[in-house]
Amino acid sequence: MKTCQLLGLIILFLSTTGPALGHHSTANFNFDDSARQTIQGVVTYWSFTNPHSFIEVDVTGEDGSVVSHTIFLTSRVALQRYGWRPSSLKAGDKVEIEGSPDYEKPNEMYLQRIVFADGKVWRRDEIAL
């Protein structure tokens, strides 16, 4: 009987660990952490969510064309520890963003540094709000 219980526990354990192994860090796989890209634009959308937050920014080119960029951040929980709030960004805010570009999508990046219109700076690896 104990063998059946042990086998049942092993099967239960193995069936619940699969989803955890499926999650990966966006910074390690999608983005080139050795490269940097800087954009200046206007926030159009701010998603302060788990598992990853993101910012949509419209960048106006020299020819007047507007290109939307998506900037990925860490989770809402981690951002809250750094002092971020839902009110930290809003549509219409002017920002400068430096990030690690996506390997395949030129209009996506992972945030390294953001400079707010009032001069506040936040770097991914420090609290500076």
N, C-alpha and C. Protein backbone atom coordinates (compact mmCIF):
# COMPACT_ATOMS: atom_id res chain seq x y z
N MET A 1 0.81 -1.19 0.00
CA MET A 1 0.00 0.00 0.00
C MET A 1 0.86 1.26 0.00
N LYS A 2 1.96 1.22 0.77
CA LYS A 2 2.83 2.39 0.83
C LYS A 2 3.46 2.66 -0.54
N THR A 3 3.75 1.62 -1.30
CA THR A 3 4.31 1.79 -2.64
C THR A 3 3.33 2.52 -3.54
N CYS A 4 2.04 2.20 -3.44
CA CYS A 4 1.02 2.88 -4.25
C CYS A 4 0.91 4.35 -3.86
N GLN A 5 0.98 4.63 -2.56
CA GLN A 5 0.92 6.02 -2.10
C GLN A 5 2.14 6.80 -2.58
N LEU A 6 3.31 6.20 -2.48
CA LEU A 6 4.53 6.85 -2.94
C LEU A 6 4.48 7.10 -4.44
N LEU A 7 4.04 6.13 -5.19
CA LEU A 7 3.91 6.29 -6.63
C LEU A 7 2.91 7.39 -6.96
N GLY A 8 1.83 7.45 -6.23
CA GLY A 8 0.83 8.51 -6.43
C GLY A 8 1.42 9.88 -6.15
N LEU A 9 2.21 10.01 -5.09
CA LEU A 9 2.86 11.29 -4.77
C LEU A 9 3.86 11.70 -5.84
N ILE A 10 4.61 10.75 -6.35
CA ILE A 10 5.58 11.05 -7.41
C ILE A 10 4.86 11.53 -8.66
N ILE A 11 3.78 10.86 -9.04
CA ILE A 11 3.01 11.27 -10.22
C ILE A 11 2.42 12.66 -10.01
N LEU A 12 1.88 12.92 -8.82
CA LEU A 12 1.32 14.24 -8.51
C LEU A 12 2.39 15.32 -8.60
N PHE A 13 3.56 15.06 -8.04
CA PHE A 13 4.65 16.02 -8.08
C PHE A 13 5.07 16.32 -9.52
N LEU A 14 5.28 15.30 -10.30
CA LEU A 14 5.73 15.48 -11.68
C LEU A 14 4.67 16.18 -12.54
N SER A 15 3.41 15.97 -12.26
CA SER A 15 2.36 16.60 -13.05
C SER A 15 2.18 18.07 -12.71
N THR A 16 2.66 18.52 -11.56
CA THR A 16 2.50 19.92 -11.18
C THR A 16 3.74 20.76 -11.45
N THR A 17 4.87 20.15 -11.75
CA THR A 17 6.09 20.93 -11.98
C THR A 17 6.24 21.36 -13.43
N GLY A 18 5.54 20.77 -14.35
CA GLY A 18 5.66 21.12 -15.76
C GLY A 18 5.35 22.57 -16.07
N PRO A 19 4.22 23.12 -15.59
CA PRO A 19 3.92 24.52 -15.87
C PRO A 19 4.98 25.48 -15.33
N ALA A 20 5.58 25.17 -14.19
CA ALA A 20 6.60 26.04 -13.64
C ALA A 20 7.84 26.06 -14.52
N LEU A 21 8.17 24.95 -15.13
CA LEU A 21 9.33 24.90 -16.00
C LEU A 21 9.11 25.65 -17.31
N GLY A 22 7.86 25.88 -17.68
CA GLY A 22 7.54 26.54 -18.94
C GLY A 22 7.77 28.03 -18.93
N HIS A 23 7.86 28.67 -17.76
CA HIS A 23 8.04 30.11 -17.70
C HIS A 23 9.51 30.45 -17.88
N HIS A 24 9.78 31.54 -18.57
CA HIS A 24 11.17 31.95 -18.77
C HIS A 24 11.27 33.46 -18.65
N SER A 25 12.45 33.92 -18.39
CA SER A 25 12.69 35.35 -18.29
C SER A 25 12.77 35.96 -19.67
N THR A 26 12.00 37.02 -19.91
CA THR A 26 12.05 37.69 -21.21
C THR A 26 13.41 38.33 -21.44
N ALA A 27 14.05 38.75 -20.37
CA ALA A 27 15.35 39.41 -20.53
C ALA A 27 16.41 38.47 -21.07
N ASN A 28 16.31 37.20 -20.74
CA ASN A 28 17.34 36.26 -21.15
C ASN A 28 17.15 35.69 -22.55
N PHE A 29 15.93 35.60 -23.03
CA PHE A 29 15.68 34.90 -24.28
C PHE A 29 15.30 35.80 -25.44
N ASN A 30 14.47 36.78 -25.24
CA ASN A 30 13.97 37.60 -26.34
C ASN A 30 14.85 38.79 -26.65
N PHE A 31 15.61 39.27 -25.69
CA PHE A 31 16.27 40.55 -25.82
C PHE A 31 17.79 40.43 -25.75
N ASP A 32 18.46 41.30 -26.51
CA ASP A 32 19.92 41.33 -26.56
C ASP A 32 20.42 42.23 -25.45
N ASP A 33 20.76 41.65 -24.31
CA ASP A 33 21.17 42.43 -23.14
C ASP A 33 22.52 43.12 -23.34
N SER A 34 23.27 42.75 -24.36
CA SER A 34 24.56 43.39 -24.61
C SER A 34 24.43 44.64 -25.49
N ALA A 35 23.25 44.86 -26.08
CA ALA A 35 23.02 46.02 -26.94
C ALA A 35 22.09 47.01 -26.27
N ARG A 36 22.16 48.28 -26.68
CA ARG A 36 21.29 49.32 -26.14
C ARG A 36 20.66 50.11 -27.28
N GLN A 37 19.43 50.50 -27.05
CA GLN A 37 18.67 51.32 -28.00
C GLN A 37 17.99 52.40 -27.16
N THR A 38 18.00 53.64 -27.62
CA THR A 38 17.36 54.74 -26.90
C THR A 38 16.30 55.37 -27.79
N ILE A 39 15.12 55.60 -27.19
CA ILE A 39 14.04 56.27 -27.90
C ILE A 39 13.49 57.39 -27.02
N GLN A 40 12.89 58.38 -27.67
CA GLN A 40 12.17 59.43 -26.98
C GLN A 40 10.78 59.46 -27.58
N GLY A 41 9.78 59.53 -26.72
CA GLY A 41 8.43 59.53 -27.24
C GLY A 41 7.40 59.86 -26.18
N VAL A 42 6.16 59.57 -26.54
CA VAL A 42 5.02 59.87 -25.69
C VAL A 42 4.32 58.57 -25.31
N VAL A 43 4.07 58.39 -24.03
CA VAL A 43 3.39 57.20 -23.54
C VAL A 43 1.95 57.19 -24.07
N THR A 44 1.55 56.07 -24.65
CA THR A 44 0.16 55.91 -25.08
C THR A 44 -0.58 54.91 -24.21
N TYR A 45 0.15 54.00 -23.55
CA TYR A 45 -0.48 53.00 -22.71
C TYR A 45 0.52 52.49 -21.68
N TRP A 46 0.03 52.26 -20.46
CA TRP A 46 0.86 51.78 -19.37
C TRP A 46 0.13 50.61 -18.73
N SER A 47 0.72 49.42 -18.83
CA SER A 47 0.13 48.22 -18.27
C SER A 47 0.94 47.79 -17.05
N PHE A 48 0.41 48.07 -15.88
CA PHE A 48 1.08 47.79 -14.61
C PHE A 48 0.54 46.46 -14.10
N THR A 49 1.05 45.34 -14.65
CA THR A 49 0.46 44.03 -14.43
C THR A 49 1.52 42.96 -14.15
N ASN A 50 1.04 41.81 -13.73
CA ASN A 50 1.85 40.61 -13.61
C ASN A 50 1.49 39.69 -14.76
N PRO A 51 2.36 38.89 -15.30
CA PRO A 51 3.71 38.64 -14.83
C PRO A 51 4.72 39.67 -15.33
N HIS A 52 4.39 40.45 -16.38
CA HIS A 52 5.30 41.49 -16.86
C HIS A 52 4.50 42.74 -17.19
N SER A 53 5.00 43.88 -16.77
CA SER A 53 4.39 45.15 -17.11
C SER A 53 4.96 45.60 -18.45
N PHE A 54 4.27 46.53 -19.11
CA PHE A 54 4.82 47.08 -20.34
C PHE A 54 4.29 48.49 -20.58
N ILE A 55 5.03 49.23 -21.41
CA ILE A 55 4.69 50.59 -21.77
C ILE A 55 4.61 50.65 -23.29
N GLU A 56 3.58 51.28 -23.81
CA GLU A 56 3.49 51.57 -25.24
C GLU A 56 3.89 53.03 -25.42
N VAL A 57 4.83 53.29 -26.33
CA VAL A 57 5.34 54.64 -26.56
C VAL A 57 5.30 54.94 -28.05
N ASP A 58 4.75 56.10 -28.41
CA ASP A 58 4.78 56.56 -29.81
C ASP A 58 6.01 57.42 -30.01
N VAL A 59 6.80 57.07 -31.02
CA VAL A 59 8.02 57.80 -31.35
C VAL A 59 7.81 58.45 -32.72
N THR A 60 8.04 59.76 -32.79
CA THR A 60 7.89 60.49 -34.05
C THR A 60 9.25 60.57 -34.73
N GLY A 61 9.32 60.07 -35.96
CA GLY A 61 10.56 60.09 -36.72
C GLY A 61 10.83 61.44 -37.34
N GLU A 62 12.01 61.61 -37.92
CA GLU A 62 12.38 62.87 -38.56
C GLU A 62 11.46 63.22 -39.72
N ASP A 63 10.90 62.21 -40.36
CA ASP A 63 9.99 62.45 -41.48
C ASP A 63 8.55 62.69 -41.02
N GLY A 64 8.31 62.70 -39.70
CA GLY A 64 6.99 62.95 -39.16
C GLY A 64 6.15 61.71 -38.94
N SER A 65 6.65 60.57 -39.38
CA SER A 65 5.89 59.33 -39.17
C SER A 65 5.97 58.91 -37.71
N VAL A 66 4.90 58.31 -37.21
CA VAL A 66 4.84 57.86 -35.82
C VAL A 66 4.90 56.34 -35.79
N VAL A 67 5.83 55.83 -34.96
CA VAL A 67 6.01 54.39 -34.82
C VAL A 67 5.79 54.03 -33.36
N SER A 68 4.95 53.02 -33.13
CA SER A 68 4.67 52.57 -31.78
C SER A 68 5.74 51.57 -31.33
N HIS A 69 6.22 51.73 -30.11
CA HIS A 69 7.21 50.83 -29.51
C HIS A 69 6.61 50.22 -28.24
N THR A 70 6.94 48.97 -27.99
CA THR A 70 6.53 48.30 -26.76
C THR A 70 7.77 48.06 -25.92
N ILE A 71 7.70 48.54 -24.67
CA ILE A 71 8.82 48.39 -23.75
C ILE A 71 8.36 47.48 -22.62
N PHE A 72 9.06 46.38 -22.45
CA PHE A 72 8.71 45.41 -21.41
C PHE A 72 9.48 45.71 -20.14
N LEU A 73 8.84 45.46 -19.01
CA LEU A 73 9.44 45.65 -17.70
C LEU A 73 9.26 44.38 -16.89
N THR A 74 9.69 44.42 -15.69
CA THR A 74 9.50 43.30 -14.79
C THR A 74 8.06 43.28 -14.28
N SER A 75 7.78 42.49 -13.31
CA SER A 75 6.41 42.33 -12.80
C SER A 75 5.95 43.53 -11.98
N ARG A 76 4.64 43.64 -11.84
CA ARG A 76 4.05 44.68 -11.01
C ARG A 76 4.58 44.58 -9.58
N VAL A 77 4.68 43.36 -9.07
CA VAL A 77 5.14 43.16 -7.70
C VAL A 77 6.56 43.71 -7.52
N ALA A 78 7.44 43.38 -8.44
CA ALA A 78 8.82 43.88 -8.35
C ALA A 78 8.87 45.39 -8.51
N LEU A 79 8.09 45.93 -9.45
CA LEU A 79 8.07 47.38 -9.65
C LEU A 79 7.57 48.11 -8.41
N GLN A 80 6.58 47.54 -7.73
CA GLN A 80 6.08 48.16 -6.51
C GLN A 80 7.17 48.24 -5.45
N ARG A 81 8.04 47.23 -5.41
CA ARG A 81 9.16 47.26 -4.45
C ARG A 81 10.12 48.40 -4.76
N TYR A 82 10.20 48.79 -6.05
CA TYR A 82 11.05 49.91 -6.45
C TYR A 82 10.35 51.25 -6.31
N GLY A 83 9.09 51.24 -5.89
CA GLY A 83 8.38 52.50 -5.70
C GLY A 83 7.42 52.88 -6.81
N TRP A 84 7.29 52.04 -7.84
CA TRP A 84 6.35 52.32 -8.92
C TRP A 84 4.93 52.15 -8.43
N ARG A 85 4.02 52.89 -9.03
CA ARG A 85 2.59 52.82 -8.74
C ARG A 85 1.83 52.88 -10.07
N PRO A 86 0.55 52.55 -10.06
CA PRO A 86 -0.24 52.69 -11.30
C PRO A 86 -0.18 54.13 -11.84
N SER A 87 0.01 55.09 -10.96
CA SER A 87 0.07 56.49 -11.38
C SER A 87 1.46 56.94 -11.82
N SER A 88 2.44 56.04 -11.83
CA SER A 88 3.82 56.43 -12.21
C SER A 88 3.90 56.91 -13.64
N LEU A 89 3.07 56.39 -14.51
CA LEU A 89 3.02 56.80 -15.92
C LEU A 89 1.57 56.97 -16.33
N LYS A 90 1.36 57.84 -17.30
CA LYS A 90 0.02 57.97 -17.87
C LYS A 90 0.15 58.37 -19.33
N ALA A 91 -0.90 58.13 -20.07
CA ALA A 91 -0.90 58.51 -21.49
C ALA A 91 -0.61 60.00 -21.60
N GLY A 92 0.28 60.34 -22.53
CA GLY A 92 0.67 61.73 -22.74
C GLY A 92 2.00 62.10 -22.11
N ASP A 93 2.50 61.29 -21.19
CA ASP A 93 3.81 61.56 -20.57
C ASP A 93 4.92 61.44 -21.60
N LYS A 94 5.83 62.41 -21.59
CA LYS A 94 7.01 62.34 -22.45
C LYS A 94 8.11 61.63 -21.68
N VAL A 95 8.76 60.67 -22.35
CA VAL A 95 9.80 59.88 -21.70
C VAL A 95 10.95 59.62 -22.67
N GLU A 96 12.11 59.36 -22.08
CA GLU A 96 13.24 58.84 -22.83
C GLU A 96 13.51 57.46 -22.26
N ILE A 97 13.63 56.47 -23.14
CA ILE A 97 13.80 55.10 -22.70
C ILE A 97 15.02 54.49 -23.37
N GLU A 98 15.84 53.86 -22.54
CA GLU A 98 16.97 53.07 -23.04
C GLU A 98 16.65 51.62 -22.70
N GLY A 99 16.85 50.75 -23.67
CA GLY A 99 16.54 49.36 -23.43
C GLY A 99 17.36 48.41 -24.26
N SER A 100 17.19 47.14 -23.96
CA SER A 100 17.81 46.06 -24.72
C SER A 100 16.84 45.68 -25.84
N PRO A 101 17.27 45.79 -27.10
CA PRO A 101 16.35 45.51 -28.20
C PRO A 101 16.01 44.03 -28.33
N ASP A 102 14.82 43.78 -28.83
CA ASP A 102 14.38 42.43 -29.14
C ASP A 102 15.24 41.91 -30.30
N TYR A 103 15.55 40.63 -30.29
CA TYR A 103 16.36 40.06 -31.36
C TYR A 103 15.66 40.12 -32.71
N GLU A 104 14.33 40.00 -32.73
CA GLU A 104 13.62 39.90 -34.00
C GLU A 104 12.67 41.05 -34.28
N LYS A 105 12.19 41.74 -33.25
CA LYS A 105 11.19 42.80 -33.43
C LYS A 105 11.82 44.15 -33.13
N PRO A 106 12.04 44.98 -34.14
CA PRO A 106 12.77 46.23 -33.95
C PRO A 106 12.05 47.26 -33.08
N ASN A 107 10.75 47.11 -32.86
CA ASN A 107 10.00 48.08 -32.07
C ASN A 107 9.68 47.58 -30.66
N GLU A 108 10.44 46.59 -30.20
CA GLU A 108 10.26 46.08 -28.85
C GLU A 108 11.61 46.08 -28.13
N MET A 109 11.57 46.34 -26.83
CA MET A 109 12.79 46.33 -26.03
C MET A 109 12.45 46.03 -24.58
N TYR A 110 13.49 45.69 -23.82
CA TYR A 110 13.36 45.45 -22.39
C TYR A 110 14.00 46.62 -21.67
N LEU A 111 13.26 47.25 -20.79
CA LEU A 111 13.70 48.49 -20.14
C LEU A 111 15.01 48.32 -19.38
N GLN A 112 15.93 49.24 -19.64
CA GLN A 112 17.15 49.37 -18.84
C GLN A 112 17.09 50.65 -18.00
N ARG A 113 16.58 51.74 -18.64
CA ARG A 113 16.55 53.04 -17.97
C ARG A 113 15.42 53.86 -18.57
N ILE A 114 14.73 54.61 -17.72
CA ILE A 114 13.70 55.53 -18.19
C ILE A 114 13.93 56.88 -17.53
N VAL A 115 13.85 57.95 -18.32
CA VAL A 115 13.95 59.31 -17.81
C VAL A 115 12.58 59.95 -17.98
N PHE A 116 12.01 60.38 -16.88
CA PHE A 116 10.71 61.02 -16.89
C PHE A 116 10.85 62.50 -17.24
N ALA A 117 9.76 63.13 -17.63
CA ALA A 117 9.77 64.54 -18.03
C ALA A 117 10.27 65.45 -16.91
N ASP A 118 10.04 65.07 -15.65
CA ASP A 118 10.49 65.90 -14.53
C ASP A 118 11.94 65.63 -14.14
N GLY A 119 12.63 64.76 -14.92
CA GLY A 119 14.04 64.49 -14.67
C GLY A 119 14.32 63.26 -13.83
N LYS A 120 13.28 62.67 -13.23
CA LYS A 120 13.51 61.46 -12.45
C LYS A 120 13.98 60.34 -13.37
N VAL A 121 14.89 59.52 -12.84
CA VAL A 121 15.46 58.42 -13.61
C VAL A 121 15.26 57.13 -12.83
N TRP A 122 14.88 56.07 -13.54
CA TRP A 122 14.84 54.75 -12.94
C TRP A 122 15.64 53.82 -13.83
N ARG A 123 16.59 53.11 -13.20
CA ARG A 123 17.36 52.08 -13.90
C ARG A 123 16.86 50.73 -13.42
N ARG A 124 16.92 49.77 -14.30
CA ARG A 124 16.40 48.46 -13.99
C ARG A 124 17.05 47.86 -12.73
N ASP A 125 18.31 48.21 -12.48
CA ASP A 125 19.03 47.56 -11.39
C ASP A 125 19.16 48.43 -10.13
N GLU A 126 18.36 49.49 -10.03
CA GLU A 126 18.41 50.31 -8.82
C GLU A 126 17.12 51.06 -8.60
N ILE A 127 16.91 51.50 -7.40
CA ILE A 127 15.73 52.30 -7.09
C ILE A 127 16.15 53.77 -7.21
N ALA A 128 15.46 54.52 -8.04
CA ALA A 128 15.82 55.92 -8.22
C ALA A 128 14.60 56.81 -8.44
N LEU A 129 13.43 56.34 -8.09
CA LEU A 129 12.23 57.17 -8.27
C LEU A 129 12.08 58.17 -7.16
